[in-house]
Amino acid sequence: MNTRKHISHKFDEEIAAVTSSVLNMGGLVLQQLDLAVTALLTSDKTMAENVIADDVKVNTFDVSIDEMCNRIIVMRQPTATDLRLIMAIIKTTNDLERMGDEAKRIARQAIDISERGALPDQFDSMEQLATRVKEMLNRSLDAFARKDIEEAFEVIGLDQKVDKDYENLTRQQITHMMEDPRKIPASIDLLWSARALERIGDRSCNICEYVIYLVKGKDVRHIEMSELEAHIE
């Protein structure tokens, strides 16, 4: 076998392996998020504790993928598109690890709320926000897997709806606290959880920006949605 072709084949295998690990990590984070939200909405303390305990699995993926990428950079010295792919993988992994931390934070708030007493009448807006954020994460991973910039654009567009949901929920909780000071501790827990969800939405957008960077070679961070498509044409 030609040496150059052999090296290229090995590189492709290594990229496929690390990409698969990223998607597996993403699937785990999505599962952690789903369980954390369920624990919050149902006041399931045991489920929340399991989410916290399983965060080590997310961290293990983070370390493993980082090592794989470092090895590829040292051994293969990728350039151009290949280097952009490695950088996108590293950044995506970092965001997924942070999302895992946010899921763990929601689980901790779920434990606090379960101990104080559930507030089922205040969960509807939280469930709506969580559903939208889970959709963003799921679709951002799909965009990453398929290098689909159209899907990436659509996910970034959903962030405005998440921000609006978050603002509405914040106003709602402030009203509840003003009307009944006894609800302040539980409302604060809900606000922290909502903030964690909003951050996960932001990090899902980050992944989509990495997809655009990978495919188009242009950094679109800090660019308004209305200007995004025109910027990369």
Protein backbone atom coordinates (compact mmCIF):
# COMPACT_ATOMS: atom_id res chain seq x y z
CA MET A 1 0.00 0.00 0.00
CA ASN A 2 1.17 3.51 -0.80
CA THR A 3 2.46 5.12 2.41
CA ARG A 4 0.55 8.34 1.82
CA LYS A 5 -2.70 6.47 1.23
CA HIS A 6 -2.07 4.39 4.34
CA ILE A 7 -1.57 7.50 6.47
CA SER A 8 -4.70 9.08 4.98
CA HIS A 9 -6.71 5.94 5.72
CA LYS A 10 -5.49 5.85 9.31
CA PHE A 11 -6.33 9.52 9.74
CA ASP A 12 -9.86 8.93 8.45
CA GLU A 13 -10.26 6.06 10.92
CA GLU A 14 -9.05 8.22 13.80
CA ILE A 15 -11.39 11.06 12.85
CA ALA A 16 -14.31 8.64 12.62
CA ALA A 17 -13.48 7.27 16.06
CA VAL A 18 -13.22 10.65 17.76
CA THR A 19 -16.37 11.92 16.03
CA SER A 20 -18.24 8.85 17.24
CA SER A 21 -17.02 9.55 20.77
CA VAL A 22 -18.27 13.14 20.56
CA LEU A 23 -21.72 11.99 19.46
CA ASN A 24 -21.82 9.38 22.22
CA MET A 25 -20.87 12.07 24.70
CA GLY A 26 -23.59 14.30 23.29
CA GLY A 27 -26.13 11.51 23.66
CA LEU A 28 -25.13 11.05 27.28
CA VAL A 29 -25.43 14.78 28.00
CA LEU A 30 -28.87 14.85 26.37
CA GLN A 31 -29.91 11.91 28.54
CA GLN A 32 -28.54 13.64 31.65
CA LEU A 33 -30.48 16.77 30.78
CA ASP A 34 -33.70 14.84 30.21
CA LEU A 35 -33.36 13.01 33.53
CA ALA A 36 -32.46 16.18 35.42
CA VAL A 37 -35.52 17.99 34.09
CA THR A 38 -37.74 15.01 34.82
CA ALA A 39 -36.38 14.87 38.36
CA LEU A 40 -37.13 18.58 38.74
CA LEU A 41 -40.68 18.36 37.42
CA THR A 42 -41.54 15.23 39.43
CA SER A 43 -39.54 16.01 42.58
CA ASP A 44 -37.71 12.71 42.15
CA LYS A 45 -34.75 12.98 44.51
CA THR A 46 -33.31 9.56 43.62
CA MET A 47 -33.27 10.36 39.92
CA ALA A 48 -31.59 13.68 40.60
CA GLU A 49 -28.92 11.98 42.71
CA ASN A 50 -28.26 9.54 39.87
CA VAL A 51 -27.75 12.43 37.45
CA ILE A 52 -25.19 13.98 39.78
CA ALA A 53 -23.38 10.66 40.25
CA ASP A 54 -23.27 9.99 36.51
CA ASP A 55 -21.61 13.32 35.71
CA VAL A 56 -18.28 11.52 36.04
CA LYS A 57 -19.13 9.68 32.81
CA VAL A 58 -19.40 12.99 30.95
CA ASN A 59 -16.06 14.10 32.38
CA THR A 60 -14.46 10.81 31.32
CA PHE A 61 -15.59 11.41 27.74
CA ASP A 62 -14.15 14.93 27.92
CA VAL A 63 -10.70 13.71 28.96
CA SER A 64 -10.68 10.81 26.50
CA ILE A 65 -11.67 12.93 23.48
CA ASP A 66 -9.14 15.59 24.41
CA GLU A 67 -6.41 12.95 24.49
CA MET A 68 -7.52 11.55 21.13
CA CYS A 69 -7.43 15.00 19.53
CA ASN A 70 -4.01 15.80 20.98
CA ARG A 71 -2.67 12.53 19.63
CA ILE A 72 -4.07 13.22 16.16
CA ILE A 73 -2.55 16.72 16.12
CA VAL A 74 0.87 15.43 17.16
CA MET A 75 0.91 12.37 14.91
CA ARG A 76 -0.88 13.67 11.80
CA GLN A 77 -0.23 17.43 11.93
CA PRO A 78 -3.54 18.22 10.19
CA THR A 79 -3.94 21.37 8.11
CA ALA A 80 -6.77 23.38 6.53
CA THR A 81 -10.16 21.60 6.74
CA ASP A 82 -8.75 18.71 8.78
CA LEU A 83 -7.41 21.11 11.38
CA ARG A 84 -10.72 22.99 11.48
CA LEU A 85 -12.47 19.68 12.15
CA ILE A 86 -10.19 18.88 15.08
CA MET A 87 -10.68 22.36 16.51
CA ALA A 88 -14.47 22.06 16.11
CA ILE A 89 -14.39 18.72 17.92
CA ILE A 90 -12.34 20.12 20.81
CA LYS A 91 -14.65 23.12 21.21
CA THR A 92 -17.79 20.99 20.92
CA THR A 93 -16.51 18.62 23.58
CA ASN A 94 -15.80 21.53 25.89
CA ASP A 95 -19.35 22.85 25.45
CA LEU A 96 -20.84 19.41 26.04
CA GLU A 97 -18.88 19.07 29.28
CA ARG A 98 -20.24 22.43 30.43
CA MET A 99 -23.76 21.32 29.50
CA GLY A 100 -23.24 18.25 31.67
CA ASP A 101 -22.37 20.59 34.53
CA GLU A 102 -25.58 22.54 33.92
CA ALA A 103 -27.62 19.31 33.95
CA LYS A 104 -25.98 18.45 37.28
CA ARG A 105 -26.91 21.92 38.57
CA ILE A 106 -30.56 21.34 37.62
CA ALA A 107 -30.45 18.00 39.44
CA ARG A 108 -29.19 19.74 42.58
CA GLN A 109 -32.02 22.25 42.40
CA ALA A 110 -34.43 19.33 41.95
CA ILE A 111 -33.21 17.88 45.24
CA ASP A 112 -33.68 21.21 47.01
CA ILE A 113 -37.19 21.62 45.63
CA SER A 114 -38.16 18.05 46.55
CA GLU A 115 -37.09 18.74 50.13
CA ARG A 116 -38.96 22.07 50.32
CA GLY A 117 -42.10 20.87 48.63
CA ALA A 118 -42.99 20.83 44.94
CA LEU A 119 -44.58 23.76 43.14
CA PRO A 120 -46.56 21.96 40.41
CA ASP A 121 -48.53 25.09 39.54
CA GLN A 122 -45.27 26.74 38.47
CA PHE A 123 -43.83 23.94 36.34
CA ASP A 124 -45.60 24.52 33.02
CA SER A 125 -43.33 27.28 31.79
CA MET A 126 -40.26 25.36 32.97
CA GLU A 127 -41.36 22.30 31.00
CA GLN A 128 -41.85 24.41 27.87
CA LEU A 129 -38.39 25.94 28.22
CA ALA A 130 -36.80 22.52 28.83
CA THR A 131 -38.52 20.98 25.81
CA ARG A 132 -37.21 23.68 23.51
CA VAL A 133 -33.68 23.47 24.91
CA LYS A 134 -33.60 19.68 24.53
CA GLU A 135 -34.68 20.12 20.91
CA MET A 136 -31.84 22.59 20.35
CA LEU A 137 -29.24 20.24 21.80
CA ASN A 138 -30.53 17.25 19.87
CA ARG A 139 -30.61 19.13 16.57
CA SER A 140 -27.20 20.72 17.14
CA LEU A 141 -25.71 17.25 17.53
CA ASP A 142 -27.47 16.19 14.35
CA ALA A 143 -26.05 19.22 12.53
CA PHE A 144 -22.59 18.35 13.82
CA ALA A 145 -22.88 14.71 12.74
CA ARG A 146 -24.05 15.59 9.22
CA LYS A 147 -22.10 18.87 8.87
CA ASP A 148 -25.46 20.40 7.98
CA ILE A 149 -25.26 24.20 8.03
CA GLU A 150 -28.97 24.64 7.19
CA GLU A 151 -29.87 22.71 10.33
CA ALA A 152 -27.28 24.76 12.21
CA PHE A 153 -28.94 28.00 11.08
CA GLU A 154 -32.35 26.77 12.22
CA VAL A 155 -31.07 25.80 15.66
CA ILE A 156 -29.41 29.19 16.13
CA GLY A 157 -32.75 30.78 15.23
CA LEU A 158 -34.46 28.86 18.05
CA ASP A 159 -32.29 30.61 20.63
CA GLN A 160 -34.46 33.73 20.46
CA LYS A 161 -37.48 31.65 21.50
CA VAL A 162 -35.51 30.13 24.38
CA ASP A 163 -34.48 33.59 25.54
CA LYS A 164 -38.12 34.72 25.44
CA ASP A 165 -39.26 31.64 27.39
CA TYR A 166 -36.56 32.34 29.97
CA GLU A 167 -37.58 35.99 30.32
CA ASN A 168 -41.24 35.04 30.73
CA LEU A 169 -40.42 32.44 33.36
CA THR A 170 -38.25 34.93 35.24
CA ARG A 171 -41.05 37.49 35.33
CA GLN A 172 -43.47 34.81 36.49
CA GLN A 173 -41.24 33.76 39.38
CA ILE A 174 -40.65 37.35 40.46
CA THR A 175 -44.42 37.82 40.61
CA HIS A 176 -44.83 34.65 42.69
CA MET A 177 -42.17 35.80 45.14
CA MET A 178 -43.79 39.20 45.52
CA GLU A 179 -47.21 37.67 46.10
CA ASP A 180 -46.05 35.05 48.59
CA PRO A 181 -42.61 35.43 50.23
CA ARG A 182 -42.86 31.85 51.49
CA LYS A 183 -42.28 30.71 47.90
CA ILE A 184 -39.02 32.63 47.53
CA PRO A 185 -36.61 29.71 48.20
CA ALA A 186 -38.35 27.36 45.76
CA SER A 187 -38.75 30.10 43.15
CA ILE A 188 -35.04 30.88 43.35
CA ASP A 189 -34.28 27.19 42.76
CA LEU A 190 -36.50 27.27 39.67
CA LEU A 191 -34.77 30.42 38.43
CA TRP A 192 -31.36 28.79 38.78
CA SER A 193 -32.63 25.78 36.83
CA ALA A 194 -34.08 28.02 34.14
CA ARG A 195 -30.77 29.84 33.90
CA ALA A 196 -28.99 26.50 33.46
CA LEU A 197 -31.37 25.59 30.63
CA GLU A 198 -30.82 28.95 28.95
CA ARG A 199 -27.06 28.37 29.05
CA ILE A 200 -27.47 24.93 27.51
CA GLY A 201 -29.38 26.60 24.68
CA ASP A 202 -26.51 29.05 24.21
CA ARG A 203 -23.98 26.23 24.09
CA SER A 204 -26.10 24.36 21.57
CA CYS A 205 -25.82 27.48 19.40
CA ASN A 206 -22.05 27.37 19.90
CA ILE A 207 -21.94 23.87 18.44
CA CYS A 208 -23.87 25.08 15.41
CA GLU A 209 -21.42 27.95 14.98
CA TYR A 210 -18.58 25.41 14.98
CA VAL A 211 -20.40 23.49 12.23
CA ILE A 212 -20.60 26.65 10.12
CA TYR A 213 -16.92 27.36 10.82
CA LEU A 214 -16.02 23.80 9.80
CA VAL A 215 -17.97 23.84 6.54
CA LYS A 216 -17.47 27.47 5.49
CA GLY A 217 -14.21 28.33 7.24
CA LYS A 218 -15.69 31.50 8.73
CA ASP A 219 -16.00 32.44 12.39
CA VAL A 220 -19.59 33.58 12.94
CA ARG A 221 -19.46 34.14 16.68
CA HIS A 222 -20.93 37.45 17.91
CA ILE A 223 -22.80 38.00 14.63
CA GLU A 224 -26.50 38.82 14.76
CA MET A 225 -28.88 36.21 13.33
CA SER A 226 -30.19 38.71 10.78
CA GLU A 227 -26.69 39.13 9.37
CA LEU A 228 -25.51 35.54 9.67
CA GLU A 229 -26.42 34.12 6.26
CA ALA A 230 -25.18 37.17 4.38
CA HIS A 231 -21.88 37.02 6.28
CA ILE A 232 -20.95 33.54 5.05
CA GLU A 233 -22.06 33.83 1.43
